[in-house]
C-alpha atoms as a PDB file:
ATOM      1  CA  MET A   1      98.922 -62.082  52.178  1.00  0.00           C
ATOM      2  CA  ILE A   2      99.871 -58.721  53.638  1.00  0.00           C
ATOM      3  CA  LYS A   3     103.395 -57.620  54.423  1.00  0.00           C
ATOM      4  CA  PRO A   4     103.230 -56.238  57.977  1.00  0.00           C
ATOM      5  CA  ASP A   5     105.833 -54.098  59.696  1.00  0.00           C
ATOM      6  CA  PRO A   6     108.873 -56.347  60.352  1.00  0.00           C
ATOM      7  CA  ARG A   7     109.891 -54.205  63.326  1.00  0.00           C
ATOM      8  CA  ILE A   8     106.928 -55.454  65.342  1.00  0.00           C
ATOM      9  CA  THR A   9     105.861 -58.604  63.467  1.00  0.00           C
ATOM     10  CA  PRO A  10     107.827 -61.821  64.081  1.00  0.00           C
ATOM     11  CA  TYR A  11     108.473 -63.233  60.629  1.00  0.00           C
ATOM     12  CA  ARG A  12     111.660 -63.769  58.604  1.00  0.00           C
ATOM     13  CA  ASP A  13     113.274 -66.138  56.066  1.00  0.00           C
ATOM     14  CA  GLY A  14     110.252 -68.386  55.712  1.00  0.00           C
ATOM     15  CA  LEU A  15     109.589 -68.542  59.478  1.00  0.00           C
ATOM     16  CA  ALA A  16     106.773 -66.765  61.294  1.00  0.00           C
ATOM     17  CA  ALA A  17     105.095 -66.860  64.673  1.00  0.00           C
ATOM     18  CA  ALA A  18     102.248 -69.352  64.870  1.00  0.00           C
ATOM     19  CA  HIS A  19      99.676 -66.639  65.577  1.00  0.00           C
ATOM     20  CA  LEU A  20     100.503 -65.105  62.181  1.00  0.00           C
ATOM     21  CA  LYS A  21      99.291 -68.131  60.227  1.00  0.00           C
ATOM     22  CA  GLY A  22      96.828 -66.804  57.698  1.00  0.00           C
ATOM     23  CA  VAL A  23      98.260 -63.290  58.097  1.00  0.00           C
ATOM     24  CA  VAL A  24     101.724 -63.691  56.589  1.00  0.00           C
ATOM     25  CA  ASP A  25     102.954 -66.334  54.170  1.00  0.00           C
ATOM     26  CA  ALA A  26     105.725 -68.541  55.564  1.00  0.00           C
ATOM     27  CA  LYS A  27     107.121 -72.033  54.998  1.00  0.00           C
ATOM     28  CA  SER A  28     106.845 -72.814  58.703  1.00  0.00           C
ATOM     29  CA  TYR A  29     105.314 -71.352  61.843  1.00  0.00           C
ATOM     30  CA  SER A  30     106.604 -71.550  65.387  1.00  0.00           C
ATOM     31  CA  GLY A  31     104.907 -71.208  68.730  1.00  0.00           C
ATOM     32  CA  ALA A  32     106.319 -68.802  71.295  1.00  0.00           C
ATOM     33  CA  VAL A  33     108.494 -69.889  74.197  1.00  0.00           C
ATOM     34  CA  ARG A  34     108.206 -67.202  76.854  1.00  0.00           C
ATOM     35  CA  ARG A  35     111.484 -66.131  78.447  1.00  0.00           C
ATOM     36  CA  GLN A  36     112.532 -63.264  80.706  1.00  0.00           C
ATOM     37  CA  VAL A  37     115.539 -60.964  80.488  1.00  0.00           C
ATOM     38  CA  MET A  38     117.886 -61.761  83.362  1.00  0.00           C
ATOM     39  CA  MET A  39     120.570 -59.090  82.847  1.00  0.00           C
ATOM     40  CA  PRO A  40     120.333 -55.359  83.648  1.00  0.00           C
ATOM     41  CA  VAL A  41     120.538 -54.204  80.002  1.00  0.00           C
ATOM     42  CA  VAL A  42     120.588 -56.387  76.882  1.00  0.00           C
ATOM     43  CA  PRO A  43     120.900 -55.181  73.260  1.00  0.00           C
ATOM     44  CA  LEU A  44     118.375 -56.410  70.710  1.00  0.00           C
ATOM     45  CA  HIS A  45     120.145 -56.749  67.363  1.00  0.00           C
ATOM     46  CA  LYS A  46     118.858 -56.696  63.809  1.00  0.00           C
ATOM     47  CA  THR A  47     120.839 -59.848  62.930  1.00  0.00           C
ATOM     48  CA  PRO A  48     122.482 -62.540  65.103  1.00  0.00           C
ATOM     49  CA  SER A  49     125.768 -60.709  65.498  1.00  0.00           C
ATOM     50  CA  ASN A  50     127.189 -58.360  68.099  1.00  0.00           C
ATOM     51  CA  ALA A  51     128.412 -56.242  65.206  1.00  0.00           C
ATOM     52  CA  SER A  52     124.934 -55.722  63.768  1.00  0.00           C
ATOM     53  CA  THR A  53     122.694 -52.711  64.389  1.00  0.00           C
ATOM     54  CA  MET A  54     121.229 -52.421  67.873  1.00  0.00           C
ATOM     55  CA  GLU A  55     117.517 -51.881  67.261  1.00  0.00           C
ATOM     56  CA  THR A  56     116.648 -51.260  70.907  1.00  0.00           C
ATOM     57  CA  GLN A  57     117.534 -52.506  74.381  1.00  0.00           C
ATOM     58  CA  LEU A  58     115.735 -54.868  76.733  1.00  0.00           C
ATOM     59  CA  LEU A  59     115.876 -54.341  80.481  1.00  0.00           C
ATOM     60  CA  LEU A  60     115.879 -56.769  83.388  1.00  0.00           C
ATOM     61  CA  GLY A  61     112.477 -58.387  83.850  1.00  0.00           C
ATOM     62  CA  ALA A  62     111.223 -57.807  80.306  1.00  0.00           C
ATOM     63  CA  ASP A  63     109.373 -60.742  78.754  1.00  0.00           C
ATOM     64  CA  PHE A  64     110.621 -62.032  75.413  1.00  0.00           C
ATOM     65  CA  ASP A  65     108.865 -64.576  73.207  1.00  0.00           C
ATOM     66  CA  VAL A  66     111.403 -66.830  71.484  1.00  0.00           C
ATOM     67  CA  TYR A  67     110.463 -68.317  68.091  1.00  0.00           C
ATOM     68  CA  ASP A  68     113.854 -69.665  67.067  1.00  0.00           C
ATOM     69  CA  SER A  69     117.206 -70.316  68.725  1.00  0.00           C
ATOM     70  CA  HIS A  70     120.487 -71.037  66.963  1.00  0.00           C
ATOM     71  CA  ASN A  71     124.223 -70.623  67.628  1.00  0.00           C
ATOM     72  CA  GLY A  72     123.704 -68.832  70.936  1.00  0.00           C
ATOM     73  CA  TRP A  73     121.117 -66.383  69.637  1.00  0.00           C
ATOM     74  CA  ALA A  74     117.383 -66.220  70.296  1.00  0.00           C
ATOM     75  CA  TRP A  75     115.112 -64.664  67.682  1.00  0.00           C
ATOM     76  CA  GLY A  76     111.822 -63.329  68.935  1.00  0.00           C
ATOM     77  CA  GLN A  77     109.805 -60.378  70.153  1.00  0.00           C
ATOM     78  CA  GLU A  78     109.686 -58.309  73.311  1.00  0.00           C
ATOM     79  CA  VAL A  79     106.332 -58.616  75.048  1.00  0.00           C
ATOM     80  CA  GLN A  80     104.943 -55.218  75.919  1.00  0.00           C
ATOM     81  CA  ALA A  81     102.943 -54.316  78.999  1.00  0.00           C
ATOM     82  CA  ASP A  82      99.673 -55.855  77.794  1.00  0.00           C
ATOM     83  CA  GLY A  83     101.332 -59.253  77.519  1.00  0.00           C
ATOM     84  CA  SER A  84      99.186 -60.335  74.569  1.00  0.00           C
ATOM     85  CA  LYS A  85     100.438 -62.459  71.685  1.00  0.00           C
ATOM     86  CA  HIS A  86      99.771 -59.463  69.451  1.00  0.00           C
ATOM     87  CA  SER A  87     102.040 -57.178  71.484  1.00  0.00           C
ATOM     88  CA  ARG A  88     103.921 -54.475  69.651  1.00  0.00           C
ATOM     89  CA  GLY A  89     107.373 -55.004  71.113  1.00  0.00           C
ATOM     90  CA  TYR A  90     110.405 -55.035  68.853  1.00  0.00           C
ATOM     91  CA  VAL A  91     111.494 -58.132  66.961  1.00  0.00           C
ATOM     92  CA  GLY A  92     115.145 -59.134  66.796  1.00  0.00           C
ATOM     93  CA  TYR A  93     117.993 -61.196  68.176  1.00  0.00           C
ATOM     94  CA  VAL A  94     119.266 -61.344  71.748  1.00  0.00           C
ATOM     95  CA  PRO A  95     121.944 -63.593  73.260  1.00  0.00           C
ATOM     96  CA  ASN A  96     120.474 -66.799  74.691  1.00  0.00           C
ATOM     97  CA  MET A  97     122.575 -66.338  77.805  1.00  0.00           C
ATOM     98  CA  ALA A  98     120.583 -63.195  78.672  1.00  0.00           C
ATOM     99  CA  LEU A  99     117.281 -65.092  78.865  1.00  0.00           C
ATOM    100  CA  ALA A 100     115.779 -67.570  81.297  1.00  0.00           C
ATOM    101  CA  ARG A 101     112.406 -68.963  82.223  1.00  0.00           C
ATOM    102  CA  GLY A 102     110.846 -66.382  84.540  1.00  0.00           C
ATOM    103  CA  ALA A 103     109.901 -67.972  87.852  1.00  0.00           C
ATOM    104  CA  ASN A 104     107.921 -65.035  89.218  1.00  0.00           C
ATOM    105  CA  ALA A 105     106.117 -62.054  87.779  1.00  0.00           C
ATOM    106  CA  PRO A 106     107.812 -58.735  88.625  1.00  0.00           C
ATOM    107  CA  THR A 107     106.302 -56.780  91.501  1.00  0.00           C
ATOM    108  CA  HIS A 108     108.300 -53.531  91.250  1.00  0.00           C
ATOM    109  CA  ARG A 109     110.313 -51.432  88.836  1.00  0.00           C
ATOM    110  CA  ILE A 110     113.396 -49.296  89.383  1.00  0.00           C
ATOM    111  CA  ASN A 111     112.515 -45.582  89.588  1.00  0.00           C
ATOM    112  CA  PRO A 112     115.825 -43.624  89.753  1.00  0.00           C
ATOM    113  CA  MET A 113     118.211 -43.549  86.812  1.00  0.00           C
ATOM    114  CA  ARG A 114     120.361 -46.186  88.511  1.00  0.00           C
ATOM    115  CA  ALA A 115     119.810 -48.256  91.643  1.00  0.00           C
ATOM    116  CA  PRO A 116     122.512 -50.213  93.505  1.00  0.00           C
ATOM    117  CA  VAL A 117     121.734 -53.749  94.612  1.00  0.00           C
ATOM    118  CA  PHE A 118     123.515 -54.513  97.879  1.00  0.00           C
ATOM    119  CA  LEU A 119     124.825 -57.831  99.160  1.00  0.00           C
ATOM    120  CA  LYS A 120     122.934 -57.291 102.425  1.00  0.00           C
ATOM    121  CA  PRO A 121     120.221 -54.860 103.602  1.00  0.00           C
ATOM    122  CA  ASP A 122     122.894 -52.360 104.561  1.00  0.00           C
ATOM    123  CA  LEU A 123     124.222 -49.467 102.455  1.00  0.00           C
ATOM    124  CA  LYS A 124     127.762 -50.152 103.651  1.00  0.00           C
ATOM    125  CA  THR A 125     127.891 -53.641 102.180  1.00  0.00           C
ATOM    126  CA  ALA A 126     129.205 -54.585  98.759  1.00  0.00           C
ATOM    127  CA  ILE A 127     127.234 -53.608  95.659  1.00  0.00           C
ATOM    128  CA  ARG A 128     126.321 -56.676  93.613  1.00  0.00           C
ATOM    129  CA  THR A 129     125.086 -54.846  90.529  1.00  0.00           C
ATOM    130  CA  ILE A 130     123.484 -51.619  89.316  1.00  0.00           C
ATOM    131  CA  LEU A 131     119.984 -51.711  87.842  1.00  0.00           C
ATOM    132  CA  PRO A 132     118.712 -49.149  85.321  1.00  0.00           C
ATOM    133  CA  LEU A 133     115.549 -47.064  85.362  1.00  0.00           C
ATOM    134  CA  ASN A 134     112.509 -49.203  84.415  1.00  0.00           C
ATOM    135  CA  ALA A 135     114.153 -52.546  85.150  1.00  0.00           C
ATOM    136  CA  LYS A 136     111.483 -54.865  86.572  1.00  0.00           C
ATOM    137  CA  ILE A 137     112.152 -56.976  89.640  1.00  0.00           C
ATOM    138  CA  TRP A 138     110.418 -59.456  91.928  1.00  0.00           C
ATOM    139  CA  VAL A 139     110.666 -58.358  95.567  1.00  0.00           C
ATOM    140  CA  GLU A 140     110.294 -61.539  97.587  1.00  0.00           C
ATOM    141  CA  SER A 141     110.329 -59.933 101.025  1.00  0.00           C
ATOM    142  CA  GLU A 142     111.223 -56.793 102.943  1.00  0.00           C
ATOM    143  CA  ASP A 143     113.979 -56.285 105.491  1.00  0.00           C
ATOM    144  CA  GLY A 144     113.770 -52.859 107.086  1.00  0.00           C
ATOM    145  CA  ASP A 145     114.252 -50.244 104.366  1.00  0.00           C
ATOM    146  CA  TYR A 146     115.209 -52.841 101.768  1.00  0.00           C
ATOM    147  CA  GLY A 147     113.494 -55.233  99.430  1.00  0.00           C
ATOM    148  CA  HIS A 148     115.040 -58.619  98.766  1.00  0.00           C
ATOM    149  CA  ILE A 149     115.502 -59.695  95.130  1.00  0.00           C
ATOM    150  CA  PRO A 150     116.155 -63.469  95.113  1.00  0.00           C
ATOM    151  CA  ASP A 151     119.571 -64.516  93.793  1.00  0.00           C
ATOM    152  CA  MET A 152     120.565 -60.877  93.450  1.00  0.00           C
ATOM    153  CA  GLY A 153     120.527 -58.910  96.687  1.00  0.00           C
ATOM    154  CA  TYR A 154     118.800 -55.977  98.332  1.00  0.00           C
ATOM    155  CA  VAL A 155     117.486 -52.725  96.877  1.00  0.00           C
ATOM    156  CA  HIS A 156     116.446 -49.697  98.918  1.00  0.00           C
ATOM    157  CA  LYS A 157     112.690 -49.030  99.058  1.00  0.00           C
ATOM    158  CA  ASN A 158     113.272 -45.454  97.825  1.00  0.00           C
ATOM    159  CA  HIS A 159     114.646 -46.868  94.576  1.00  0.00           C
ATOM    160  CA  ILE A 160     111.602 -48.943  93.610  1.00  0.00           C
ATOM    161  CA  ALA A 161     107.945 -48.402  92.785  1.00  0.00           C
ATOM    162  CA  PRO A 162     105.092 -50.912  92.526  1.00  0.00           C
ATOM    163  CA  ILE A 163     104.835 -52.280  89.006  1.00  0.00           C
ATOM    164  CA  GLU A 164     101.215 -51.141  88.700  1.00  0.00           C
ATOM    165  CA  MET A 165     101.911 -47.511  89.683  1.00  0.00           C
ATOM    166  CA  SER A 166     100.903 -45.175  86.855  1.00  0.00           C
ATOM    167  CA  ASN A 167     101.421 -41.592  87.892  1.00  0.00           C
ATOM    168  CA  GLY A 168     104.066 -38.898  87.907  1.00  0.00           C
ATOM    169  CA  ASP A 169     105.448 -36.360  85.466  1.00  0.00           C
ATOM    170  CA  PHE A 170     107.145 -38.014  82.507  1.00  0.00           C
ATOM    171  CA  ILE A 171     108.904 -34.738  81.674  1.00  0.00           C
ATOM    172  CA  ASP A 172     110.628 -34.838  85.071  1.00  0.00           C
ATOM    173  CA  ILE A 173     111.910 -38.295  84.138  1.00  0.00           C
ATOM    174  CA  ALA A 174     113.026 -37.148  80.701  1.00  0.00           C
ATOM    175  CA  GLU A 175     114.937 -34.240  82.246  1.00  0.00           C
ATOM    176  CA  LEU A 176     116.973 -36.696  84.334  1.00  0.00           C
ATOM    177  CA  HIS A 177     118.534 -37.785  81.031  1.00  0.00           C
ATOM    178  CA  LEU A 178     120.025 -34.373  80.236  1.00  0.00           C
ATOM    179  CA  GLY A 179     123.632 -34.771  79.168  1.00  0.00           C
ATOM    180  CA  LEU A 180     123.445 -38.507  78.480  1.00  0.00           C
ATOM    181  CA  PRO A 181     125.026 -39.538  75.180  1.00  0.00           C
ATOM    182  CA  TYR A 182     122.959 -40.098  72.070  1.00  0.00           C
ATOM    183  CA  ILE A 183     122.983 -43.839  71.333  1.00  0.00           C
ATOM    184  CA  TRP A 184     120.999 -45.317  68.471  1.00  0.00           C
ATOM    185  CA  GLY A 185     118.567 -47.845  69.952  1.00  0.00           C
ATOM    186  CA  GLY A 186     119.321 -46.788  73.531  1.00  0.00           C
ATOM    187  CA  ILE A 187     116.735 -46.798  76.334  1.00  0.00           C
ATOM    188  CA  SER A 188     119.094 -47.021  79.320  1.00  0.00           C
ATOM    189  CA  PRO A 189     121.153 -44.702  81.548  1.00  0.00           C
ATOM    190  CA  ASP A 190     124.091 -45.416  79.230  1.00  0.00           C
ATOM    191  CA  GLY A 191     122.386 -43.378  76.504  1.00  0.00           C
ATOM    192  CA  VAL A 192     119.175 -42.984  74.523  1.00  0.00           C
ATOM    193  CA  ASP A 193     117.912 -42.000  71.108  1.00  0.00           C
ATOM    194  CA  CYS A 194     115.058 -39.547  70.540  1.00  0.00           C
ATOM    195  CA  SER A 195     112.159 -41.985  70.561  1.00  0.00           C
ATOM    196  CA  GLY A 196     113.840 -44.056  73.258  1.00  0.00           C
ATOM    197  CA  LEU A 197     113.791 -41.011  75.531  1.00  0.00           C
ATOM    198  CA  VAL A 198     110.033 -40.632  75.043  1.00  0.00           C
ATOM    199  CA  GLN A 199     109.361 -44.334  75.564  1.00  0.00           C
ATOM    200  CA  THR A 200     111.592 -44.521  78.648  1.00  0.00           C
ATOM    201  CA  ALA A 201     110.062 -41.471  80.302  1.00  0.00           C
ATOM    202  CA  LEU A 202     106.515 -42.719  79.740  1.00  0.00           C
ATOM    203  CA  ARG A 203     107.339 -46.227  80.932  1.00  0.00           C
ATOM    204  CA  ALA A 204     108.696 -44.760  84.147  1.00  0.00           C
ATOM    205  CA  ILE A 205     105.216 -43.481  85.032  1.00  0.00           C
ATOM    206  CA  GLY A 206     103.504 -46.712  84.055  1.00  0.00           C
ATOM    207  CA  GLN A 207     102.511 -45.821  80.499  1.00  0.00           C
ATOM    208  CA  ASN A 208     103.724 -47.742  77.501  1.00  0.00           C
ATOM    209  CA  ALA A 209     104.614 -46.200  74.161  1.00  0.00           C
ATOM    210  CA  PRO A 210     105.677 -47.448  70.723  1.00  0.00           C
ATOM    211  CA  ARG A 211     109.411 -47.609  70.082  1.00  0.00           C
ATOM    212  CA  ASP A 212     109.876 -45.488  66.943  1.00  0.00           C
ATOM    213  CA  THR A 213     108.961 -41.918  66.080  1.00  0.00           C
ATOM    214  CA  ASP A 214     106.555 -42.796  63.272  1.00  0.00           C
ATOM    215  CA  MET A 215     104.623 -45.123  65.586  1.00  0.00           C
ATOM    216  CA  GLN A 216     104.605 -42.572  68.402  1.00  0.00           C
ATOM    217  CA  GLU A 217     103.369 -39.846  66.069  1.00  0.00           C
ATOM    218  CA  ALA A 218     100.571 -42.093  64.792  1.00  0.00           C
ATOM    219  CA  GLU A 219      99.448 -43.538  68.111  1.00  0.00           C
ATOM    220  CA  LEU A 220     100.120 -41.121  70.977  1.00  0.00           C
ATOM    221  CA  GLY A 221      97.908 -38.249  72.101  1.00  0.00           C
ATOM    222  CA  THR A 222      96.063 -35.657  70.033  1.00  0.00           C
ATOM    223  CA  VAL A 223      97.471 -33.568  67.201  1.00  0.00           C
ATOM    224  CA  LEU A 224      97.439 -29.843  67.985  1.00  0.00           C
ATOM    225  CA  PRO A 225      96.173 -27.375  65.398  1.00  0.00           C
ATOM    226  CA  LYS A 226      98.736 -25.170  63.688  1.00  0.00           C
ATOM    227  CA  GLY A 227      99.550 -22.106  65.780  1.00  0.00           C
ATOM    228  CA  ALA A 228      98.411 -23.628  69.093  1.00  0.00           C
ATOM    229  CA  LYS A 229     100.214 -22.426  72.208  1.00  0.00           C
ATOM    230  CA  LEU A 230     102.591 -25.152  73.345  1.00  0.00           C
ATOM    231  CA  GLU A 231     102.757 -26.586  76.852  1.00  0.00           C
ATOM    232  CA  ARG A 232     105.165 -28.609  78.944  1.00  0.00           C
ATOM    233  CA  GLY A 233     104.991 -32.221  77.787  1.00  0.00           C
ATOM    234  CA  ASP A 234     103.922 -31.626  74.190  1.00  0.00           C
ATOM    235  CA  LEU A 235     105.750 -33.836  71.679  1.00  0.00           C
ATOM    236  CA  VAL A 236     107.213 -32.209  68.563  1.00  0.00           C
ATOM    237  CA  PHE A 237     107.735 -34.485  65.563  1.00  0.00           C
ATOM    238  CA  TRP A 238     109.834 -34.273  62.448  1.00  0.00           C
ATOM    239  CA  LYS A 239     110.354 -37.101  59.978  1.00  0.00           C
ATOM    240  CA  GLY A 240     112.431 -39.541  62.032  1.00  0.00           C
ATOM    241  CA  HIS A 241     112.795 -37.295  65.081  1.00  0.00           C
ATOM    242  CA  VAL A 242     110.887 -36.287  68.213  1.00  0.00           C
ATOM    243  CA  GLY A 243     111.455 -33.926  71.119  1.00  0.00           C
ATOM    244  CA  ILE A 244     109.662 -33.062  74.362  1.00  0.00           C
ATOM    245  CA  MET A 245     108.689 -29.519  75.316  1.00  0.00           C
ATOM    246  CA  ARG A 246     109.978 -28.470  78.752  1.00  0.00           C
ATOM    247  CA  ASP A 247     107.849 -25.343  78.562  1.00  0.00           C
ATOM    248  CA  ALA A 248     106.213 -23.300  75.811  1.00  0.00           C
ATOM    249  CA  ASP A 249     109.585 -22.437  74.225  1.00  0.00           C
ATOM    250  CA  THR A 250     112.203 -25.043  75.176  1.00  0.00           C
ATOM    251  CA  LEU A 251     112.768 -28.454  73.588  1.00  0.00           C
ATOM    252  CA  LEU A 252     114.400 -31.454  75.246  1.00  0.00           C
ATOM    253  CA  HIS A 253     115.619 -34.117  72.846  1.00  0.00           C
ATOM    254  CA  ALA A 254     118.248 -36.762  72.258  1.00  0.00           C
ATOM    255  CA  ASN A 255     119.840 -35.797  68.975  1.00  0.00           C
ATOM    256  CA  ALA A 256     122.789 -36.572  66.734  1.00  0.00           C
ATOM    257  CA  TYR A 257     123.739 -32.890  66.335  1.00  0.00           C
ATOM    258  CA  HIS A 258     124.740 -32.498  69.985  1.00  0.00           C
ATOM    259  CA  MET A 259     125.252 -36.303  70.371  1.00  0.00           C
ATOM    260  CA  LEU A 260     123.548 -35.769  73.713  1.00  0.00           C
ATOM    261  CA  VAL A 261     120.213 -35.347  75.359  1.00  0.00           C
ATOM    262  CA  ALA A 262     120.135 -31.572  75.051  1.00  0.00           C
ATOM    263  CA  SER A 263     117.838 -28.670  75.888  1.00  0.00           C
ATOM    264  CA  GLU A 264     117.535 -25.729  73.517  1.00  0.00           C
ATOM    265  CA  PRO A 265     114.999 -23.170  72.256  1.00  0.00           C
ATOM    266  CA  LEU A 266     112.457 -24.818  69.969  1.00  0.00           C
ATOM    267  CA  LYS A 267     112.998 -22.073  67.367  1.00  0.00           C
ATOM    268  CA  THR A 268     116.710 -22.915  67.242  1.00  0.00           C
ATOM    269  CA  ALA A 269     116.013 -26.616  66.785  1.00  0.00           C
ATOM    270  CA  ILE A 270     113.421 -25.989  64.062  1.00  0.00           C
ATOM    271  CA  ALA A 271     115.768 -23.714  62.094  1.00  0.00           C
ATOM    272  CA  ARG A 272     118.574 -26.278  62.207  1.00  0.00           C
ATOM    273  CA  ILE A 273     116.550 -29.453  61.645  1.00  0.00           C
ATOM    274  CA  GLU A 274     114.538 -28.155  58.700  1.00  0.00           C
ATOM    275  CA  LYS A 275     117.776 -27.749  56.710  1.00  0.00           C
ATOM    276  CA  THR A 276     118.369 -31.507  56.717  1.00  0.00           C
ATOM    277  CA  THR A 277     115.171 -33.251  57.779  1.00  0.00           C
ATOM    278  CA  GLY A 278     112.411 -30.854  56.840  1.00  0.00           C
ATOM    279  CA  GLN A 279     109.693 -29.049  58.714  1.00  0.00           C
ATOM    280  CA  VAL A 280     107.832 -30.125  61.832  1.00  0.00           C
ATOM    281  CA  THR A 281     105.281 -32.759  60.801  1.00  0.00           C
ATOM    282  CA  SER A 282     103.044 -32.543  63.882  1.00  0.00           C
ATOM    283  CA  ILE A 283     102.833 -31.524  67.529  1.00  0.00           C
ATOM    284  CA  ILE A 284     101.005 -33.909  69.833  1.00  0.00           C
ATOM    285  CA  ARG A 285      99.578 -33.388  73.308  1.00  0.00           C
ATOM    286  CA  LEU A 286      99.354 -36.426  75.556  1.00  0.00           C
END
């Protein structure tokens, strides 16, 4: 039996997903119970404890396959955009209370950094909640300039985009994050990490991306030859780190040095990062 990547393969402590039978060795196998995230932002933890490492975050409308549930925690895997049982979403623990059986497939996603949901289709009414960029919602009907989200409220049409829309400039989206705090595992307006910034920006234009830098480096785009002239949107990788070029000379990245999403000359970043992490490992063009 092989030992696949535990970040994206649902197996642990003798338990594995049923579709992994014959792939990984386990004492028992469990079929998936599909659930949907029902809160704006939910942490996915490494172990069933609020004190454990947050591996990533799940946003409203995300599908999550549950393989085990115990003491208020669900263990399973986020279902990525393709929806297949072999999806490459992250595996971990989320609170049971954040999940429910999804009644309807999402029709739209939130397209600004944050979108208010109003009690009524009127901007002067009370705000029920705030939804983050890339949250997925089901718009049941329209009322003037607003879409109605059942059991939640009304969101302005300028704050949503059809779920199938796949265009735009992901660098524009990434730049909206300037100044946000660096948060390990973050993919929300509360803060992001380096690979989370890349994934979030690409998701906002309808393109999915792996969660971690090593996966992104291996699977996204085309590697540029050494000495190639850089362009806006190129991804610069180090071991365990990634940044996005704003232009031929300027890097945008969430990093633990600034503890922010910061913009700085690429040469400055390279000189600093190579002292602790090493040299650039590759530059990729999407």
